[in-house]
Amino acid sequence: MRLKNRSAGQASVEFAMTAVVFFLLTFAILNFAMAIYAYNLVSYAAREGSRYAAVRGSSSPAPAAASDVASFVQGESSGLNSANMTVNTTWLPDNNPGSFVQVDVRYTFAFTMPFVSLPTVTMDSTSQLVITQ
């Protein structure tokens, strides 16, 4: 009877040690998957933002301003915290057809691991297109 109680206690300790490692590994995999998702979404948002600005040049019925592009990009990046995102739009040399528009999207990703403090990661993507209208 006494040996049975010892082996039950040993199994509980072994389970506790392996469960901690298992759950930390699971949370790490989920966090890195969310980081990859965020980077892909930042890249997509930059491409869509430059496309949005390229078809809304100065000769368009509704020319796009930098605030319009930023609002559009933040709307396209659902699932990300828009407070951690900055969008910069520049027109080279101006907003006329034949010029270039460049959209730079920067996002600060914070890992959410229990019991582990990881630094934030800044993700940056730039897209440039020729203005058509």
N, C-alpha and C. Protein backbone atom coordinates (compact mmCIF):
# COMPACT_ATOMS: atom_id res chain seq x y z
N MET A 1 0.82 -1.19 0.00
CA MET A 1 0.00 0.00 0.00
C MET A 1 0.87 1.26 0.00
N ARG A 2 1.93 1.18 0.73
CA ARG A 2 2.80 2.34 0.84
C ARG A 2 3.52 2.64 -0.47
N LEU A 3 3.95 1.66 -1.21
CA LEU A 3 4.60 1.87 -2.50
C LEU A 3 3.64 2.47 -3.51
N LYS A 4 2.41 2.09 -3.42
CA LYS A 4 1.42 2.62 -4.35
C LYS A 4 1.26 4.14 -4.17
N ASN A 5 1.26 4.63 -2.97
CA ASN A 5 1.12 6.07 -2.71
C ASN A 5 2.34 6.83 -3.21
N ARG A 6 3.52 6.28 -3.07
CA ARG A 6 4.73 6.93 -3.55
C ARG A 6 4.72 7.06 -5.07
N SER A 7 4.34 6.00 -5.75
CA SER A 7 4.33 6.06 -7.22
C SER A 7 3.26 7.01 -7.73
N ALA A 8 2.15 7.15 -7.00
CA ALA A 8 1.12 8.11 -7.40
C ALA A 8 1.64 9.54 -7.24
N GLY A 9 2.37 9.80 -6.19
CA GLY A 9 2.96 11.12 -5.99
C GLY A 9 4.02 11.42 -7.02
N GLN A 10 4.79 10.42 -7.38
CA GLN A 10 5.82 10.60 -8.39
C GLN A 10 5.19 10.91 -9.75
N ALA A 11 4.12 10.24 -10.09
CA ALA A 11 3.44 10.48 -11.35
C ALA A 11 2.86 11.90 -11.40
N SER A 12 2.35 12.37 -10.27
CA SER A 12 1.81 13.73 -10.23
C SER A 12 2.90 14.77 -10.46
N VAL A 13 4.06 14.57 -9.85
CA VAL A 13 5.17 15.50 -10.03
C VAL A 13 5.67 15.47 -11.47
N GLU A 14 5.80 14.30 -12.04
CA GLU A 14 6.23 14.19 -13.43
C GLU A 14 5.23 14.84 -14.38
N PHE A 15 3.95 14.63 -14.11
CA PHE A 15 2.93 15.26 -14.95
C PHE A 15 3.01 16.78 -14.85
N ALA A 16 3.18 17.31 -13.64
CA ALA A 16 3.25 18.76 -13.46
C ALA A 16 4.44 19.34 -14.22
N MET A 17 5.57 18.66 -14.18
CA MET A 17 6.75 19.18 -14.87
C MET A 17 6.58 19.13 -16.39
N THR A 18 6.05 18.06 -16.90
CA THR A 18 5.86 17.98 -18.36
C THR A 18 4.72 18.86 -18.83
N ALA A 19 3.69 19.04 -18.01
CA ALA A 19 2.57 19.89 -18.41
C ALA A 19 3.01 21.34 -18.56
N VAL A 20 3.88 21.81 -17.68
CA VAL A 20 4.36 23.18 -17.78
C VAL A 20 5.12 23.38 -19.09
N VAL A 21 5.99 22.46 -19.42
CA VAL A 21 6.75 22.55 -20.66
C VAL A 21 5.81 22.47 -21.87
N PHE A 22 4.86 21.56 -21.81
CA PHE A 22 3.91 21.40 -22.92
C PHE A 22 3.11 22.67 -23.15
N PHE A 23 2.57 23.26 -22.09
CA PHE A 23 1.75 24.46 -22.25
C PHE A 23 2.58 25.66 -22.69
N LEU A 24 3.79 25.81 -22.18
CA LEU A 24 4.65 26.90 -22.65
C LEU A 24 4.98 26.75 -24.13
N LEU A 25 5.26 25.54 -24.55
CA LEU A 25 5.54 25.29 -25.97
C LEU A 25 4.30 25.57 -26.83
N THR A 26 3.14 25.18 -26.35
CA THR A 26 1.90 25.44 -27.09
C THR A 26 1.65 26.94 -27.21
N PHE A 27 1.80 27.68 -26.12
CA PHE A 27 1.61 29.13 -26.18
C PHE A 27 2.65 29.80 -27.08
N ALA A 28 3.87 29.29 -27.07
CA ALA A 28 4.91 29.86 -27.94
C ALA A 28 4.56 29.65 -29.41
N ILE A 29 4.10 28.47 -29.76
CA ILE A 29 3.71 28.19 -31.15
C ILE A 29 2.55 29.09 -31.57
N LEU A 30 1.56 29.25 -30.70
CA LEU A 30 0.43 30.12 -31.02
C LEU A 30 0.86 31.57 -31.18
N ASN A 31 1.74 32.06 -30.31
CA ASN A 31 2.19 33.45 -30.40
C ASN A 31 2.99 33.70 -31.66
N PHE A 32 3.86 32.79 -32.03
CA PHE A 32 4.64 32.98 -33.25
C PHE A 32 3.75 32.86 -34.49
N ALA A 33 2.72 32.04 -34.43
CA ALA A 33 1.76 31.98 -35.54
C ALA A 33 1.01 33.30 -35.67
N MET A 34 0.64 33.91 -34.53
CA MET A 34 -0.04 35.21 -34.57
C MET A 34 0.91 36.30 -35.08
N ALA A 35 2.19 36.19 -34.78
CA ALA A 35 3.17 37.16 -35.28
C ALA A 35 3.31 37.04 -36.80
N ILE A 36 3.34 35.83 -37.30
CA ILE A 36 3.42 35.63 -38.76
C ILE A 36 2.15 36.15 -39.43
N TYR A 37 1.00 35.90 -38.82
CA TYR A 37 -0.26 36.43 -39.35
C TYR A 37 -0.23 37.95 -39.39
N ALA A 38 0.25 38.56 -38.32
CA ALA A 38 0.31 40.03 -38.26
C ALA A 38 1.24 40.57 -39.34
N TYR A 39 2.39 39.92 -39.56
CA TYR A 39 3.31 40.39 -40.59
C TYR A 39 2.68 40.27 -41.98
N ASN A 40 2.01 39.16 -42.25
CA ASN A 40 1.34 39.01 -43.54
C ASN A 40 0.26 40.06 -43.73
N LEU A 41 -0.47 40.36 -42.67
CA LEU A 41 -1.53 41.37 -42.76
C LEU A 41 -0.96 42.77 -42.95
N VAL A 42 0.17 43.07 -42.33
CA VAL A 42 0.83 44.36 -42.53
C VAL A 42 1.28 44.50 -43.97
N SER A 43 1.84 43.45 -44.53
CA SER A 43 2.29 43.46 -45.92
C SER A 43 1.10 43.64 -46.87
N TYR A 44 0.02 42.92 -46.62
CA TYR A 44 -1.19 43.04 -47.42
C TYR A 44 -1.77 44.45 -47.34
N ALA A 45 -1.80 45.01 -46.14
CA ALA A 45 -2.37 46.35 -45.94
C ALA A 45 -1.55 47.40 -46.69
N ALA A 46 -0.23 47.26 -46.72
CA ALA A 46 0.60 48.21 -47.46
C ALA A 46 0.32 48.13 -48.96
N ARG A 47 0.20 46.91 -49.48
CA ARG A 47 -0.10 46.74 -50.92
C ARG A 47 -1.46 47.34 -51.26
N GLU A 48 -2.47 47.05 -50.44
CA GLU A 48 -3.81 47.56 -50.71
C GLU A 48 -3.87 49.08 -50.54
N GLY A 49 -3.12 49.60 -49.59
CA GLY A 49 -3.08 51.05 -49.40
C GLY A 49 -2.46 51.77 -50.58
N SER A 50 -1.39 51.21 -51.14
CA SER A 50 -0.78 51.84 -52.31
C SER A 50 -1.68 51.72 -53.54
N ARG A 51 -2.38 50.60 -53.65
CA ARG A 51 -3.33 50.45 -54.76
C ARG A 51 -4.48 51.45 -54.62
N TYR A 52 -4.98 51.62 -53.40
CA TYR A 52 -6.06 52.58 -53.13
C TYR A 52 -5.63 53.99 -53.52
N ALA A 53 -4.41 54.37 -53.15
CA ALA A 53 -3.93 55.72 -53.46
C ALA A 53 -3.60 55.87 -54.95
N ALA A 54 -3.16 54.78 -55.60
CA ALA A 54 -2.76 54.87 -57.01
C ALA A 54 -3.95 55.11 -57.92
N VAL A 55 -5.10 54.61 -57.58
CA VAL A 55 -6.29 54.82 -58.43
C VAL A 55 -7.09 56.04 -57.99
N ARG A 56 -6.61 56.77 -57.01
CA ARG A 56 -7.27 58.00 -56.55
C ARG A 56 -6.29 59.15 -56.57
N GLY A 57 -5.70 59.38 -57.74
CA GLY A 57 -4.76 60.49 -57.93
C GLY A 57 -5.49 61.82 -58.05
N SER A 58 -4.75 62.86 -58.45
CA SER A 58 -5.33 64.22 -58.50
C SER A 58 -6.39 64.36 -59.58
N SER A 59 -6.35 63.54 -60.65
CA SER A 59 -7.36 63.65 -61.70
C SER A 59 -8.58 62.77 -61.42
N SER A 60 -8.60 62.07 -60.31
CA SER A 60 -9.73 61.23 -59.91
C SER A 60 -10.86 62.12 -59.38
N PRO A 61 -12.12 61.67 -59.48
CA PRO A 61 -13.22 62.45 -58.91
C PRO A 61 -13.09 62.65 -57.40
N ALA A 62 -12.46 61.71 -56.72
CA ALA A 62 -12.26 61.83 -55.27
C ALA A 62 -10.80 61.52 -54.94
N PRO A 63 -9.90 62.52 -55.09
CA PRO A 63 -8.48 62.26 -54.81
C PRO A 63 -8.25 61.85 -53.35
N ALA A 64 -7.31 60.94 -53.16
CA ALA A 64 -7.02 60.43 -51.81
C ALA A 64 -5.99 61.30 -51.11
N ALA A 65 -6.25 61.58 -49.86
CA ALA A 65 -5.29 62.27 -49.00
C ALA A 65 -4.63 61.23 -48.11
N ALA A 66 -3.59 61.63 -47.40
CA ALA A 66 -2.87 60.69 -46.53
C ALA A 66 -3.79 60.12 -45.45
N SER A 67 -4.70 60.93 -44.93
CA SER A 67 -5.62 60.44 -43.90
C SER A 67 -6.60 59.42 -44.47
N ASP A 68 -7.00 59.59 -45.76
CA ASP A 68 -7.88 58.61 -46.40
C ASP A 68 -7.17 57.26 -46.55
N VAL A 69 -5.92 57.31 -46.95
CA VAL A 69 -5.14 56.07 -47.12
C VAL A 69 -4.96 55.40 -45.77
N ALA A 70 -4.66 56.17 -44.73
CA ALA A 70 -4.47 55.59 -43.39
C ALA A 70 -5.76 54.94 -42.89
N SER A 71 -6.89 55.59 -43.11
CA SER A 71 -8.17 55.01 -42.69
C SER A 71 -8.46 53.73 -43.46
N PHE A 72 -8.17 53.73 -44.75
CA PHE A 72 -8.40 52.54 -45.57
C PHE A 72 -7.52 51.38 -45.11
N VAL A 73 -6.24 51.66 -44.86
CA VAL A 73 -5.31 50.62 -44.43
C VAL A 73 -5.73 50.04 -43.08
N GLN A 74 -6.14 50.88 -42.15
CA GLN A 74 -6.57 50.39 -40.85
C GLN A 74 -7.85 49.57 -40.96
N GLY A 75 -8.72 49.92 -41.90
CA GLY A 75 -9.91 49.13 -42.14
C GLY A 75 -9.60 47.77 -42.76
N GLU A 76 -8.56 47.72 -43.57
CA GLU A 76 -8.17 46.45 -44.21
C GLU A 76 -7.43 45.52 -43.27
N SER A 77 -6.93 46.03 -42.17
CA SER A 77 -6.13 45.20 -41.27
C SER A 77 -6.94 44.81 -40.03
N SER A 78 -8.09 44.18 -40.28
CA SER A 78 -8.90 43.72 -39.16
C SER A 78 -8.16 42.60 -38.43
N GLY A 79 -8.29 42.58 -37.14
CA GLY A 79 -7.57 41.60 -36.34
C GLY A 79 -6.32 42.17 -35.71
N LEU A 80 -5.89 43.34 -36.14
CA LEU A 80 -4.73 44.00 -35.55
C LEU A 80 -5.19 45.21 -34.75
N ASN A 81 -4.44 45.55 -33.72
CA ASN A 81 -4.74 46.71 -32.91
C ASN A 81 -4.31 47.97 -33.67
N SER A 82 -5.27 48.77 -34.10
CA SER A 82 -4.95 49.95 -34.91
C SER A 82 -4.18 51.00 -34.12
N ALA A 83 -4.23 50.93 -32.80
CA ALA A 83 -3.44 51.88 -31.99
C ALA A 83 -1.95 51.61 -32.11
N ASN A 84 -1.57 50.40 -32.47
CA ASN A 84 -0.16 50.04 -32.63
C ASN A 84 0.32 50.17 -34.06
N MET A 85 -0.50 50.77 -34.94
CA MET A 85 -0.17 50.85 -36.37
C MET A 85 0.00 52.30 -36.79
N THR A 86 1.03 52.55 -37.58
CA THR A 86 1.21 53.86 -38.19
C THR A 86 1.30 53.67 -39.70
N VAL A 87 0.67 54.60 -40.42
CA VAL A 87 0.66 54.55 -41.88
C VAL A 87 1.19 55.88 -42.39
N ASN A 88 2.23 55.83 -43.21
CA ASN A 88 2.79 57.02 -43.84
C ASN A 88 2.63 56.90 -45.35
N THR A 89 2.08 57.94 -45.96
CA THR A 89 1.88 57.96 -47.40
C THR A 89 2.65 59.14 -47.98
N THR A 90 3.45 58.86 -49.01
CA THR A 90 4.19 59.92 -49.69
C THR A 90 3.97 59.80 -51.19
N TRP A 91 3.84 60.95 -51.83
CA TRP A 91 3.70 61.00 -53.27
C TRP A 91 4.99 61.56 -53.85
N LEU A 92 5.53 60.89 -54.85
CA LEU A 92 6.81 61.29 -55.45
C LEU A 92 6.62 61.62 -56.92
N PRO A 93 6.70 62.79 -57.42
CA PRO A 93 6.88 64.06 -56.71
C PRO A 93 5.55 64.67 -56.24
N ASP A 94 4.42 64.26 -56.84
CA ASP A 94 3.13 64.81 -56.44
C ASP A 94 2.05 63.76 -56.68
N ASN A 95 0.78 64.19 -56.63
CA ASN A 95 -0.36 63.28 -56.73
C ASN A 95 -0.90 63.20 -58.17
N ASN A 96 -0.11 63.59 -59.15
CA ASN A 96 -0.56 63.57 -60.55
C ASN A 96 -0.31 62.20 -61.17
N PRO A 97 -1.09 61.84 -62.22
CA PRO A 97 -0.86 60.56 -62.89
C PRO A 97 0.57 60.48 -63.44
N GLY A 98 1.15 59.31 -63.32
CA GLY A 98 2.53 59.09 -63.73
C GLY A 98 3.52 59.22 -62.59
N SER A 99 3.11 59.84 -61.50
CA SER A 99 3.96 59.94 -60.31
C SER A 99 3.85 58.64 -59.50
N PHE A 100 4.64 58.55 -58.47
CA PHE A 100 4.62 57.37 -57.61
C PHE A 100 3.96 57.69 -56.28
N VAL A 101 3.29 56.69 -55.72
CA VAL A 101 2.78 56.78 -54.36
C VAL A 101 3.41 55.64 -53.57
N GLN A 102 3.88 55.98 -52.38
CA GLN A 102 4.52 54.99 -51.52
C GLN A 102 3.79 54.96 -50.18
N VAL A 103 3.40 53.77 -49.76
CA VAL A 103 2.70 53.59 -48.48
C VAL A 103 3.58 52.72 -47.59
N ASP A 104 3.88 53.24 -46.41
CA ASP A 104 4.69 52.53 -45.43
C ASP A 104 3.81 52.23 -44.21
N VAL A 105 3.67 50.95 -43.89
CA VAL A 105 2.86 50.53 -42.74
C VAL A 105 3.80 49.94 -41.69
N ARG A 106 3.68 50.44 -40.47
CA ARG A 106 4.50 49.96 -39.36
C ARG A 106 3.57 49.52 -38.23
N TYR A 107 3.85 48.33 -37.71
CA TYR A 107 3.01 47.76 -36.65
C TYR A 107 3.89 47.21 -35.54
N THR A 108 3.51 47.49 -34.30
CA THR A 108 4.24 46.98 -33.14
C THR A 108 3.47 45.81 -32.57
N PHE A 109 4.07 44.63 -32.63
CA PHE A 109 3.43 43.40 -32.16
C PHE A 109 3.94 43.06 -30.78
N ALA A 110 3.02 42.79 -29.86
CA ALA A 110 3.38 42.42 -28.50
C ALA A 110 3.01 40.95 -28.27
N PHE A 111 3.98 40.16 -27.86
CA PHE A 111 3.72 38.76 -27.53
C PHE A 111 2.95 38.68 -26.22
N THR A 112 2.08 37.69 -26.09
CA THR A 112 1.29 37.50 -24.88
C THR A 112 1.53 36.11 -24.32
N MET A 113 2.72 35.91 -23.81
CA MET A 113 3.09 34.62 -23.23
C MET A 113 2.91 34.68 -21.71
N PRO A 114 2.26 33.67 -21.12
CA PRO A 114 2.16 33.67 -19.66
C PRO A 114 3.51 33.33 -19.03
N PHE A 115 3.85 34.04 -17.99
CA PHE A 115 5.06 33.83 -17.20
C PHE A 115 6.36 34.16 -17.93
N VAL A 116 6.27 34.64 -19.18
CA VAL A 116 7.47 34.96 -19.95
C VAL A 116 7.30 36.37 -20.52
N SER A 117 8.30 37.19 -20.34
CA SER A 117 8.26 38.55 -20.88
C SER A 117 9.13 38.62 -22.13
N LEU A 118 8.51 38.82 -23.26
CA LEU A 118 9.24 38.94 -24.52
C LEU A 118 9.15 40.38 -25.02
N PRO A 119 10.18 40.87 -25.70
CA PRO A 119 10.13 42.24 -26.21
C PRO A 119 9.15 42.36 -27.37
N THR A 120 8.67 43.57 -27.61
CA THR A 120 7.78 43.81 -28.75
C THR A 120 8.60 43.77 -30.03
N VAL A 121 7.91 43.46 -31.12
CA VAL A 121 8.55 43.36 -32.43
C VAL A 121 7.90 44.40 -33.34
N THR A 122 8.71 45.19 -34.04
CA THR A 122 8.20 46.17 -34.98
C THR A 122 8.24 45.57 -36.38
N MET A 123 7.07 45.54 -37.01
CA MET A 123 6.95 45.00 -38.37
C MET A 123 6.72 46.15 -39.32
N ASP A 124 7.41 46.14 -40.44
CA ASP A 124 7.36 47.26 -41.36
C ASP A 124 7.24 46.72 -42.78
N SER A 125 6.34 47.32 -43.57
CA SER A 125 6.18 46.93 -44.97
C SER A 125 5.94 48.19 -45.80
N THR A 126 6.54 48.23 -46.97
CA THR A 126 6.43 49.38 -47.86
C THR A 126 5.99 48.89 -49.23
N SER A 127 5.07 49.64 -49.85
CA SER A 127 4.63 49.32 -51.20
C SER A 127 4.59 50.62 -52.01
N GLN A 128 4.99 50.52 -53.26
CA GLN A 128 5.06 51.69 -54.14
C GLN A 128 4.43 51.34 -55.50
N LEU A 129 3.57 52.22 -55.98
CA LEU A 129 2.91 52.03 -57.28
C LEU A 129 2.89 53.34 -58.05
N VAL A 130 2.63 53.24 -59.35
CA VAL A 130 2.48 54.42 -60.21
C VAL A 130 1.03 54.86 -60.17
N ILE A 131 0.79 56.15 -60.04
CA ILE A 131 -0.57 56.69 -59.99
C ILE A 131 -1.16 56.64 -61.41
N THR A 132 -2.33 56.07 -61.52
CA THR A 132 -2.96 55.89 -62.84
C THR A 132 -4.02 56.93 -63.12
N GLN A 133 -4.65 57.51 -62.13
CA GLN A 133 -5.70 58.50 -62.36
C GLN A 133 -5.40 59.77 -61.65
